[in-house]
């Protein structure tokens, strides 16, 4: 059984003074349109925002809206983001650590109005950055795959996040983009035309590729662009959503 209700979301929003919005526990995608502009940390507004979305997780916007940048350390498919993070050789202050259902960690730093971009594996394998325009699933959120847990033995529950170390901010602001000598077939054909009889299958393949490269919110925007510019004719948005969330659910289950 899993249940993240407005009371849980309210508790964490009040404790951390972070604006939040409801997300789907299976896919981690926002449940509402314009989630960043509607995100709030006001009790009554949270109750209204979550109305109709009782069993939902909550998303926490990163970047200037909440003044935080989060390092998402994946530990799967033979890659240990935590090990690579520690091997950066940067002196790190004690910081909030949230364990994720997949065995990874979110490490939170205060970054004020600094617009650090999102990136995936650019600093080092297994290290994703959630900055301006990105979000994480907040602590206390329960999903079918497990709970996002604030590890209070490392850092007490507090809104006093440590300032992001200067060297870490520099790496996140201008990560080294690793380039491969050859692109995958899906990557090289990402914007080629998709004929009517192949739309669902081809979009599913491209969406899977996108979800392995970027955050679901960004992947959804990219999928909409591909549908409009490549599909002849484009899928109806409802059908595109079905394809997208089917692949997102599969990726979340395996991740």
Protein backbone atom coordinates (compact mmCIF):
# COMPACT_ATOMS: atom_id res chain seq x y z
CA UNK A 1 0.00 0.00 0.00
CA UNK A 2 1.21 3.49 -0.76
CA UNK A 3 -0.34 6.82 0.04
CA UNK A 4 1.05 10.33 -0.02
CA UNK A 5 -1.73 12.69 0.99
CA UNK A 6 -1.93 16.49 1.46
CA UNK A 7 -1.12 16.14 5.18
CA UNK A 8 2.22 14.51 4.38
CA UNK A 9 2.94 17.07 1.66
CA UNK A 10 1.96 19.90 4.02
CA UNK A 11 4.26 18.56 6.74
CA UNK A 12 7.31 18.58 4.49
CA UNK A 13 6.46 21.89 2.81
CA UNK A 14 6.18 23.52 6.24
CA UNK A 15 9.34 21.90 7.62
CA UNK A 16 11.48 22.75 4.60
CA UNK A 17 9.63 25.88 3.40
CA UNK A 18 9.73 24.56 -0.16
CA UNK A 19 7.05 25.04 -2.79
CA UNK A 20 5.56 21.79 -4.06
CA UNK A 21 3.03 20.33 -6.52
CA UNK A 22 1.32 16.90 -6.93
CA UNK A 23 2.96 14.21 -9.06
CA UNK A 24 1.97 10.76 -10.29
CA UNK A 25 3.44 8.02 -8.02
CA UNK A 26 3.92 5.62 -10.95
CA UNK A 27 5.52 7.97 -13.47
CA UNK A 28 6.76 10.92 -11.35
CA UNK A 29 5.15 13.27 -13.91
CA UNK A 30 3.25 16.39 -12.72
CA UNK A 31 -0.50 15.90 -12.21
CA UNK A 32 -1.28 19.51 -13.15
CA UNK A 33 -0.49 21.94 -15.94
CA UNK A 34 2.11 24.65 -15.27
CA UNK A 35 3.32 22.94 -12.07
CA UNK A 36 6.15 25.40 -11.45
CA UNK A 37 3.92 28.48 -11.54
CA UNK A 38 1.31 26.77 -9.33
CA UNK A 39 3.75 25.25 -6.82
CA UNK A 40 3.14 26.52 -3.29
CA UNK A 41 4.11 26.04 0.34
CA UNK A 42 0.90 27.54 1.73
CA UNK A 43 -1.23 25.04 3.67
CA UNK A 44 -4.61 25.97 2.21
CA UNK A 45 -3.19 26.28 -1.30
CA UNK A 46 -1.61 22.82 -1.02
CA UNK A 47 -4.95 21.36 0.05
CA UNK A 48 -6.60 22.94 -2.99
CA UNK A 49 -3.79 21.90 -5.33
CA UNK A 50 -3.94 18.27 -4.18
CA UNK A 51 -7.74 18.06 -4.27
CA UNK A 52 -8.61 15.14 -6.50
CA UNK A 53 -5.05 13.82 -6.29
CA UNK A 54 -5.22 12.09 -2.91
CA UNK A 55 -2.82 9.21 -3.46
CA UNK A 56 -0.07 11.23 -5.06
CA UNK A 57 3.58 12.04 -4.53
CA UNK A 58 4.73 15.63 -4.54
CA UNK A 59 7.31 17.33 -6.69
CA UNK A 60 9.77 19.94 -5.43
CA UNK A 61 10.95 22.48 -8.04
CA UNK A 62 14.68 23.13 -8.09
CA UNK A 63 16.48 26.30 -9.10
CA UNK A 64 15.64 29.87 -8.02
CA UNK A 65 11.96 29.10 -7.30
CA UNK A 66 13.06 27.23 -4.15
CA UNK A 67 16.68 28.36 -4.05
CA UNK A 68 18.08 24.81 -4.26
CA UNK A 69 20.11 22.60 -6.56
CA UNK A 70 19.95 18.83 -6.17
CA UNK A 71 22.50 16.22 -7.20
CA UNK A 72 20.72 13.00 -8.15
CA UNK A 73 23.12 10.10 -7.64
CA UNK A 74 22.02 6.96 -9.46
CA UNK A 75 23.25 3.52 -8.47
CA UNK A 76 22.10 1.10 -11.15
CA UNK A 77 23.16 -0.71 -14.31
CA UNK A 78 26.71 -1.04 -12.98
CA UNK A 79 27.13 2.71 -12.41
CA UNK A 80 27.66 4.09 -8.90
CA UNK A 81 26.89 7.81 -8.91
CA UNK A 82 27.57 8.12 -5.18
CA UNK A 83 31.09 6.73 -5.57
CA UNK A 84 31.75 9.03 -8.53
CA UNK A 85 30.37 12.01 -6.59
CA UNK A 86 32.70 11.41 -3.66
CA UNK A 87 35.63 10.91 -6.04
CA UNK A 88 35.24 14.44 -7.44
CA UNK A 89 37.64 15.44 -4.67
CA UNK A 90 35.50 18.35 -3.46
CA UNK A 91 35.24 19.08 0.26
CA UNK A 92 31.53 18.69 0.93
CA UNK A 93 29.59 20.16 3.86
CA UNK A 94 27.05 18.06 5.71
CA UNK A 95 23.96 18.15 3.54
CA UNK A 96 20.46 16.64 3.38
CA UNK A 97 20.44 13.19 1.80
CA UNK A 98 17.24 11.60 0.53
CA UNK A 99 17.36 7.92 -0.37
CA UNK A 100 15.29 6.95 -3.41
CA UNK A 101 13.38 3.71 -4.14
CA UNK A 102 15.93 2.69 -6.80
CA UNK A 103 18.82 2.79 -4.31
CA UNK A 104 20.13 6.21 -5.29
CA UNK A 105 20.36 9.47 -3.37
CA UNK A 106 19.34 13.12 -3.70
CA UNK A 107 21.81 15.57 -2.13
CA UNK A 108 20.39 19.07 -1.61
CA UNK A 109 22.33 22.35 -1.55
CA UNK A 110 21.26 25.97 -1.28
CA UNK A 111 21.98 27.87 -4.50
CA UNK A 112 19.83 31.00 -4.13
CA UNK A 113 19.03 32.66 -7.46
CA UNK A 114 21.81 30.82 -9.29
CA UNK A 115 20.38 29.28 -12.48
CA UNK A 116 22.29 26.01 -12.61
CA UNK A 117 21.17 23.96 -15.65
CA UNK A 118 19.88 20.42 -15.55
CA UNK A 119 22.23 17.74 -16.81
CA UNK A 120 22.46 13.95 -16.89
CA UNK A 121 25.81 12.23 -16.45
CA UNK A 122 27.71 15.28 -17.70
CA UNK A 123 29.77 15.81 -14.52
CA UNK A 124 30.40 12.07 -14.16
CA UNK A 125 28.46 8.86 -14.85
CA UNK A 126 25.52 8.45 -12.50
CA UNK A 127 25.48 12.11 -11.44
CA UNK A 128 22.45 14.06 -12.64
CA UNK A 129 21.87 17.70 -11.75
CA UNK A 130 18.40 19.04 -10.97
CA UNK A 131 18.62 22.79 -11.29
CA UNK A 132 16.67 25.59 -12.94
CA UNK A 133 13.59 24.09 -14.62
CA UNK A 134 13.99 20.69 -12.97
CA UNK A 135 12.38 19.02 -9.96
CA UNK A 136 12.72 16.06 -7.63
CA UNK A 137 10.21 13.87 -5.85
CA UNK A 138 10.14 15.14 -2.28
CA UNK A 139 10.92 13.21 0.93
CA UNK A 140 8.00 11.35 2.46
CA UNK A 141 6.57 10.58 -0.97
CA UNK A 142 5.42 6.98 -1.25
CA UNK A 143 5.31 5.09 -4.53
CA UNK A 144 4.57 1.50 -5.58
CA UNK A 145 8.36 1.03 -5.74
CA UNK A 146 9.22 2.42 -2.31
CA UNK A 147 9.51 5.64 -0.35
CA UNK A 148 11.72 8.72 -0.72
CA UNK A 149 13.30 8.93 2.73
CA UNK A 150 15.08 11.84 4.42
CA UNK A 151 18.15 10.27 6.05
CA UNK A 152 18.06 12.23 9.31
CA UNK A 153 21.12 10.39 10.66
CA UNK A 154 23.19 12.42 8.20
CA UNK A 155 21.36 15.74 8.40
CA UNK A 156 18.45 16.78 10.67
CA UNK A 157 15.15 17.74 9.08
CA UNK A 158 15.71 21.45 8.53
CA UNK A 159 15.26 24.20 5.97
CA UNK A 160 18.84 25.36 6.59
CA UNK A 161 20.43 23.78 3.54
CA UNK A 162 24.22 24.22 3.21
CA UNK A 163 25.52 26.50 0.47
CA UNK A 164 26.63 24.64 -2.64
CA UNK A 165 30.46 24.42 -2.68
CA UNK A 166 32.00 26.79 -5.21
CA UNK A 167 33.82 24.06 -7.14
CA UNK A 168 30.68 21.92 -7.32
CA UNK A 169 28.70 24.89 -8.63
CA UNK A 170 31.38 25.49 -11.29
CA UNK A 171 31.16 21.88 -12.46
CA UNK A 172 27.37 22.03 -12.56
CA UNK A 173 27.33 25.35 -14.44
CA UNK A 174 29.65 24.14 -17.18
CA UNK A 175 29.72 20.33 -17.18
CA UNK A 176 31.99 18.56 -19.62
CA UNK A 177 29.75 17.07 -22.25
CA UNK A 178 31.14 13.68 -23.20
CA UNK A 179 30.82 13.00 -26.89
CA UNK A 180 30.74 9.55 -28.38
CA UNK A 181 32.29 8.85 -31.76
CA UNK A 182 29.10 7.22 -32.94
CA UNK A 183 25.47 7.89 -32.18
CA UNK A 184 22.84 5.27 -31.52
CA UNK A 185 20.36 4.53 -34.30
CA UNK A 186 17.52 6.07 -32.26
CA UNK A 187 19.55 9.22 -31.59
CA UNK A 188 20.53 9.72 -35.22
CA UNK A 189 16.93 9.28 -36.39
CA UNK A 190 15.32 11.31 -33.59
CA UNK A 191 13.85 13.96 -35.92
CA UNK A 192 13.22 11.91 -39.06
CA UNK A 193 9.68 11.57 -40.40
CA UNK A 194 7.40 8.90 -38.89
CA UNK A 195 4.77 7.47 -41.26
CA UNK A 196 1.22 6.89 -40.03
CA UNK A 197 1.46 3.13 -39.57
CA UNK A 198 4.60 3.34 -37.41
CA UNK A 199 3.78 6.25 -35.10
CA UNK A 200 3.09 4.44 -31.82
CA UNK A 201 5.98 1.99 -32.08
CA UNK A 202 8.52 4.59 -33.24
CA UNK A 203 7.42 7.19 -30.69
CA UNK A 204 7.70 4.59 -27.92
CA UNK A 205 11.30 3.90 -28.97
CA UNK A 206 12.19 7.60 -29.10
CA UNK A 207 10.46 8.35 -25.80
CA UNK A 208 12.41 5.52 -24.14
CA UNK A 209 15.63 7.07 -25.43
CA UNK A 210 14.61 10.53 -24.15
CA UNK A 211 13.72 9.23 -20.70
CA UNK A 212 17.18 7.69 -20.40
CA UNK A 213 18.76 11.04 -21.25
CA UNK A 214 16.67 13.62 -19.42
CA UNK A 215 14.09 14.34 -16.73
CA UNK A 216 10.50 13.22 -17.50
CA UNK A 217 9.24 16.81 -17.70
CA UNK A 218 11.83 17.68 -20.37
CA UNK A 219 11.24 14.36 -22.13
CA UNK A 220 7.50 15.10 -22.37
CA UNK A 221 8.17 18.47 -24.00
CA UNK A 222 10.55 16.80 -26.46
CA UNK A 223 8.02 14.05 -27.21
CA UNK A 224 5.38 16.68 -28.02
CA UNK A 225 7.81 18.39 -30.39
CA UNK A 226 8.68 15.11 -32.13
CA UNK A 227 5.00 14.24 -32.49
CA UNK A 228 4.16 17.58 -34.09
CA UNK A 229 7.20 17.86 -36.33
CA UNK A 230 7.81 14.22 -37.33
CA UNK A 231 4.52 12.30 -37.27
CA UNK A 232 2.43 12.42 -40.42
CA UNK A 233 -0.20 13.06 -39.18
CA UNK A 234 0.55 13.76 -35.46
CA UNK A 235 -1.09 11.63 -32.79
CA UNK A 236 -3.87 13.18 -30.73
CA UNK A 237 -2.43 14.47 -27.44
CA UNK A 238 -4.43 11.93 -25.43
CA UNK A 239 -2.93 9.04 -27.40
CA UNK A 240 0.56 10.55 -27.15
CA UNK A 241 0.14 10.79 -23.37
CA UNK A 242 -0.84 7.11 -23.23
CA UNK A 243 2.31 6.11 -25.12
CA UNK A 244 4.51 8.42 -23.04
CA UNK A 245 3.19 7.34 -19.64
CA UNK A 246 3.31 3.67 -20.62
CA UNK A 247 7.04 3.98 -21.35
CA UNK A 248 7.62 6.21 -18.31
CA UNK A 249 5.92 3.66 -16.06
CA UNK A 250 8.10 0.90 -17.53
CA UNK A 251 11.29 2.95 -16.99
CA UNK A 252 10.27 3.82 -13.41
CA UNK A 253 9.64 0.15 -12.66
CA UNK A 254 13.07 -0.85 -13.99
CA UNK A 255 14.88 2.16 -12.47
